[in-house]
Amino acid sequence: MRKGFDLVLGQLRNIWVIARKDLRIYYSKGPVVIFGILFPAFLFLSFIIGRNLTVDYVLPGLLGMILFFTATAISPAVVPWEAQARTLERLMSCPVKIHTIIFGDLLASFIFGIVISIIPILIGLVLGVSIFRPFVLSVAIILAGLSFSALGLLFSAAPTTLPSTTMMLSSLIKFPVVFISGVFIPLGELPAWGRAVAYISPLTYFTDITRHSIQNHGHLPVALDMIALVAFIVIFLILDGKLHSKTMPKRV
């Protein structure tokens, strides 16, 4: 029993070491800063400039987009960067499992997304926005951060050593997802076909929860939004484990 506990504790320690290494090395990389912070900020500014929109109307979409882009900014690039630098080979030669490496990369993306997402919330509070359900919003941010980070790991599953390849793949998927997820237009204002498409995106459910929490109304029940986010986490983690177990050994 004690031996099993020590083994689990050791793996958790390894996960934290990998996550801390990722945050220290990759959070300031050009692709992470551009695609994780600058691009969503300027994209949203282009949407709201010249329009008479209230802060509580635009904040849910802004928060959803920033968390989505930041949580998927590090994870697609870490594995190919390390494969290119030959540090992945050294990491895999250590007594750590592939799943430990995966969870370490996921934790780094999760922390990065959570920290950056606090900024629009603080700005909103300074501008007088009220949060009606702070606990619900906090839980939703955690679930969404995990879901988006796990999705980002899927983009890096291809056995390539070129970060540009995985970043291009992630961009091809992330940008359409933003436009179908109720970020710019609430779900209730979308046509029926638009809502049907939006339901396949995890960002849809997080944005709906933020509208419940900040505007005090949304389109779907909060419980359904939470269940959907948990389901996406499970699905993405299963796919991450299966795909990276097959492709990661091919990188070394």
Protein backbone atom coordinates (compact mmCIF):
# COMPACT_ATOMS: atom_id res chain seq x y z
CA MET A 1 0.00 0.00 0.00
CA ARG A 2 2.77 2.40 0.97
CA LYS A 3 4.76 1.47 -2.13
CA GLY A 4 1.80 2.23 -4.38
CA PHE A 5 1.26 5.59 -2.68
CA ASP A 6 4.92 6.51 -3.15
CA LEU A 7 4.69 5.53 -6.84
CA VAL A 8 1.66 7.75 -7.40
CA LEU A 9 3.30 10.60 -5.49
CA GLY A 10 6.43 10.24 -7.60
CA GLN A 11 4.43 10.42 -10.83
CA LEU A 12 2.59 13.51 -9.60
CA ARG A 13 5.93 15.10 -8.80
CA ASN A 14 7.16 14.26 -12.30
CA ILE A 15 4.03 15.79 -13.83
CA TRP A 16 4.65 19.03 -11.92
CA VAL A 17 8.33 19.12 -12.92
CA ILE A 18 7.41 18.71 -16.60
CA ALA A 19 4.68 21.37 -16.35
CA ARG A 20 7.02 23.82 -14.62
CA LYS A 21 9.65 23.23 -17.32
CA ASP A 22 7.10 23.87 -20.08
CA LEU A 23 5.90 27.09 -18.47
CA ARG A 24 9.43 28.37 -17.97
CA ILE A 25 10.58 27.61 -21.51
CA TYR A 26 7.56 27.96 -23.78
CA TYR A 27 5.18 30.59 -22.40
CA SER A 28 7.17 33.41 -24.02
CA LYS A 29 7.72 31.71 -27.38
CA GLY A 30 6.53 33.68 -30.42
CA PRO A 31 3.75 31.31 -31.54
CA VAL A 32 2.39 31.08 -28.00
CA VAL A 33 2.27 34.85 -27.53
CA ILE A 34 0.87 35.55 -31.00
CA PHE A 35 -1.74 32.79 -31.26
CA GLY A 36 -2.50 32.58 -27.55
CA ILE A 37 -2.81 36.23 -26.56
CA LEU A 38 -2.39 38.84 -29.29
CA PHE A 39 -4.51 37.27 -32.01
CA PRO A 40 -7.67 36.67 -29.93
CA ALA A 41 -7.36 40.14 -28.36
CA PHE A 42 -7.13 41.93 -31.72
CA LEU A 43 -9.79 39.68 -33.26
CA PHE A 44 -12.22 40.60 -30.54
CA LEU A 45 -11.33 44.29 -30.74
CA SER A 46 -12.14 44.25 -34.45
CA PHE A 47 -15.56 42.86 -33.56
CA ILE A 48 -16.52 45.41 -30.90
CA ILE A 49 -14.98 48.63 -32.26
CA GLY A 50 -17.65 50.90 -33.70
CA ARG A 51 -20.51 48.94 -32.14
CA ASN A 52 -22.59 50.09 -29.21
CA LEU A 53 -22.11 47.01 -27.02
CA THR A 54 -22.13 46.86 -23.23
CA VAL A 55 -19.24 45.36 -21.28
CA ASP A 56 -21.38 42.59 -19.80
CA TYR A 57 -22.44 41.62 -23.34
CA VAL A 58 -18.93 41.29 -24.75
CA LEU A 59 -17.12 39.95 -21.66
CA PRO A 60 -18.47 36.36 -21.84
CA GLY A 61 -17.30 35.97 -25.44
CA LEU A 62 -13.96 37.63 -24.72
CA LEU A 63 -13.33 35.40 -21.69
CA GLY A 64 -14.26 32.28 -23.65
CA MET A 65 -12.01 33.15 -26.58
CA ILE A 66 -9.01 34.11 -24.43
CA LEU A 67 -9.22 30.93 -22.34
CA PHE A 68 -9.67 28.83 -25.48
CA PHE A 69 -6.69 30.32 -27.30
CA THR A 70 -4.34 30.48 -24.32
CA ALA A 71 -5.11 26.95 -23.09
CA THR A 72 -4.44 25.60 -26.59
CA ALA A 73 -1.34 27.73 -27.19
CA ILE A 74 1.41 25.70 -25.46
CA SER A 75 0.26 22.08 -25.78
CA PRO A 76 0.30 21.81 -29.60
CA ALA A 77 3.91 23.00 -29.83
CA VAL A 78 5.72 21.45 -26.85
CA VAL A 79 6.10 17.88 -28.15
CA PRO A 80 7.37 18.78 -31.65
CA TRP A 81 9.68 21.45 -30.18
CA GLU A 82 11.19 18.92 -27.81
CA ALA A 83 11.44 16.29 -30.53
CA GLN A 84 13.27 18.80 -32.72
CA ALA A 85 15.64 19.77 -29.90
CA ARG A 86 16.20 16.08 -29.02
CA THR A 87 15.09 16.71 -25.44
CA LEU A 88 12.06 14.45 -25.85
CA GLU A 89 14.37 11.49 -26.35
CA ARG A 90 16.18 12.31 -23.11
CA LEU A 91 12.87 12.76 -21.30
CA MET A 92 11.53 9.41 -22.49
CA SER A 93 14.73 7.69 -21.36
CA CYS A 94 13.93 8.77 -17.80
CA PRO A 95 11.71 6.64 -15.56
CA VAL A 96 8.53 8.45 -16.57
CA LYS A 97 5.56 7.12 -18.47
CA ILE A 98 4.19 8.63 -21.67
CA HIS A 99 0.99 9.49 -19.81
CA THR A 100 3.07 11.41 -17.27
CA ILE A 101 4.58 13.51 -20.05
CA ILE A 102 1.11 14.10 -21.50
CA PHE A 103 -0.33 15.24 -18.17
CA GLY A 104 2.69 17.48 -17.55
CA ASP A 105 2.16 19.24 -20.88
CA LEU A 106 -1.57 19.46 -20.18
CA LEU A 107 -0.99 20.98 -16.74
CA ALA A 108 1.29 23.66 -18.20
CA SER A 109 -1.34 24.65 -20.78
CA PHE A 110 -4.04 24.59 -18.11
CA ILE A 111 -2.12 26.90 -15.75
CA PHE A 112 -1.24 29.28 -18.59
CA GLY A 113 -4.87 29.49 -19.70
CA ILE A 114 -6.23 29.98 -16.18
CA VAL A 115 -3.76 32.74 -15.29
CA ILE A 116 -4.37 34.73 -18.50
CA SER A 117 -8.17 34.32 -18.24
CA ILE A 118 -8.12 36.14 -14.89
CA ILE A 119 -7.15 39.36 -16.69
CA PRO A 120 -10.46 39.97 -18.57
CA ILE A 121 -12.38 39.09 -15.41
CA LEU A 122 -10.48 41.71 -13.41
CA ILE A 123 -10.97 44.27 -16.18
CA GLY A 124 -14.69 43.53 -16.19
CA LEU A 125 -14.95 43.96 -12.42
CA VAL A 126 -13.10 47.28 -12.60
CA LEU A 127 -15.56 48.44 -15.28
CA GLY A 128 -18.50 47.58 -13.05
CA VAL A 129 -19.54 44.15 -14.33
CA SER A 130 -21.36 41.99 -11.78
CA ILE A 131 -20.76 38.24 -11.56
CA PHE A 132 -23.98 36.61 -10.45
CA ARG A 133 -22.59 33.09 -10.06
CA PRO A 134 -18.92 33.31 -9.09
CA PHE A 135 -18.65 29.69 -7.94
CA VAL A 136 -20.24 28.37 -11.13
CA LEU A 137 -17.94 30.54 -13.22
CA SER A 138 -14.87 29.34 -11.28
CA VAL A 139 -15.76 25.67 -11.78
CA ALA A 140 -16.51 26.31 -15.46
CA ILE A 141 -13.12 27.97 -15.98
CA ILE A 142 -11.36 24.96 -14.46
CA LEU A 143 -13.34 22.45 -16.55
CA ALA A 144 -12.97 24.47 -19.73
CA GLY A 145 -9.25 24.96 -19.13
CA LEU A 146 -8.78 21.20 -18.82
CA SER A 147 -10.94 20.54 -21.87
CA PHE A 148 -9.16 23.08 -24.08
CA SER A 149 -5.71 21.95 -22.91
CA ALA A 150 -6.56 18.34 -23.70
CA LEU A 151 -7.81 19.43 -27.12
CA GLY A 152 -4.52 21.23 -27.73
CA LEU A 153 -2.62 18.01 -27.05
CA LEU A 154 -4.55 16.32 -29.85
CA PHE A 155 -3.06 18.78 -32.34
CA SER A 156 0.46 17.65 -31.44
CA ALA A 157 -0.26 13.93 -31.86
CA ALA A 158 1.06 13.86 -35.44
CA PRO A 159 4.64 12.42 -35.42
CA THR A 160 6.36 15.54 -36.71
CA THR A 161 9.30 17.56 -35.35
CA LEU A 162 8.09 20.81 -36.93
CA PRO A 163 6.16 23.07 -34.53
CA SER A 164 4.89 25.05 -37.53
CA THR A 165 3.02 21.97 -38.74
CA THR A 166 1.12 21.45 -35.49
CA MET A 167 0.46 25.18 -35.08
CA MET A 168 -0.96 25.35 -38.60
CA LEU A 169 -3.17 22.32 -37.90
CA SER A 170 -4.40 23.81 -34.64
CA SER A 171 -5.13 27.15 -36.32
CA LEU A 172 -7.16 25.46 -39.05
CA ILE A 173 -9.38 23.94 -36.36
CA LYS A 174 -9.43 26.64 -33.68
CA PHE A 175 -10.49 29.58 -35.83
CA PRO A 176 -13.65 27.94 -37.22
CA VAL A 177 -14.50 26.68 -33.72
CA VAL A 178 -14.48 30.25 -32.38
CA PHE A 179 -17.00 31.43 -34.98
CA ILE A 180 -19.46 28.55 -34.38
CA SER A 181 -19.38 28.63 -30.57
CA GLY A 182 -21.57 31.58 -29.67
CA VAL A 183 -18.59 33.80 -28.85
CA PHE A 184 -19.63 36.73 -31.03
CA ILE A 185 -23.35 35.93 -31.27
CA PRO A 186 -25.20 34.29 -28.33
CA LEU A 187 -26.67 30.85 -28.97
CA GLY A 188 -30.22 32.13 -28.64
CA GLU A 189 -29.67 34.52 -31.55
CA LEU A 190 -28.24 31.87 -33.89
CA PRO A 191 -30.43 30.10 -36.46
CA ALA A 192 -31.37 26.48 -35.79
CA TRP A 193 -28.62 25.13 -38.06
CA GLY A 194 -26.09 27.39 -36.35
CA ARG A 195 -27.00 26.05 -32.92
CA ALA A 196 -26.79 22.47 -34.19
CA VAL A 197 -23.23 23.08 -35.38
CA ALA A 198 -22.32 24.96 -32.19
CA TYR A 199 -23.16 21.97 -29.99
CA ILE A 200 -20.14 20.03 -31.26
CA SER A 201 -17.75 22.61 -29.76
CA PRO A 202 -16.64 22.61 -26.10
CA LEU A 203 -16.22 26.37 -26.30
CA THR A 204 -19.98 26.70 -26.83
CA TYR A 205 -20.80 25.32 -23.40
CA PHE A 206 -18.21 27.40 -21.58
CA THR A 207 -19.38 30.60 -23.29
CA ASP A 208 -22.96 29.76 -22.34
CA ILE A 209 -21.94 29.34 -18.69
CA THR A 210 -20.15 32.69 -18.73
CA ARG A 211 -23.33 34.32 -20.03
CA HIS A 212 -25.27 32.70 -17.18
CA SER A 213 -22.69 33.97 -14.69
CA ILE A 214 -22.21 37.49 -16.05
CA GLN A 215 -25.49 38.33 -17.86
CA ASN A 216 -27.64 36.12 -15.60
CA HIS A 217 -29.12 34.27 -18.55
CA GLY A 218 -27.98 31.72 -21.10
CA HIS A 219 -29.40 29.34 -23.67
CA LEU A 220 -28.76 25.92 -22.10
CA PRO A 221 -29.14 24.75 -18.47
CA VAL A 222 -25.93 25.23 -16.50
CA ALA A 223 -25.93 21.56 -15.45
CA LEU A 224 -26.00 20.49 -19.11
CA ASP A 225 -23.12 22.84 -19.91
CA MET A 226 -21.06 21.35 -17.06
CA ILE A 227 -21.81 17.77 -18.09
CA ALA A 228 -20.82 18.55 -21.68
CA LEU A 229 -17.47 20.01 -20.57
CA VAL A 230 -16.74 16.95 -18.42
CA ALA A 231 -17.62 14.68 -21.34
CA PHE A 232 -15.24 16.58 -23.64
CA ILE A 233 -12.45 16.27 -21.05
CA VAL A 234 -12.89 12.50 -20.88
CA ILE A 235 -13.07 12.10 -24.66
CA PHE A 236 -10.03 14.28 -25.33
CA LEU A 237 -7.93 12.62 -22.61
CA ILE A 238 -8.72 9.15 -23.95
CA LEU A 239 -7.75 10.22 -27.46
CA ASP A 240 -4.60 11.94 -26.16
CA GLY A 241 -3.47 8.79 -24.39
CA LYS A 242 -4.12 6.49 -27.34
CA LEU A 243 -2.64 8.73 -30.03
CA HIS A 244 0.47 9.87 -28.17
CA SER A 245 1.22 6.33 -27.02
CA LYS A 246 1.47 5.41 -30.69
CA THR A 247 3.19 8.49 -32.10
CA MET A 248 5.52 9.70 -29.33
CA PRO A 249 7.95 6.73 -29.63
CA LYS A 250 8.24 7.49 -33.35
CA ARG A 251 9.63 10.95 -32.60
CA VAL A 252 12.80 9.71 -30.92
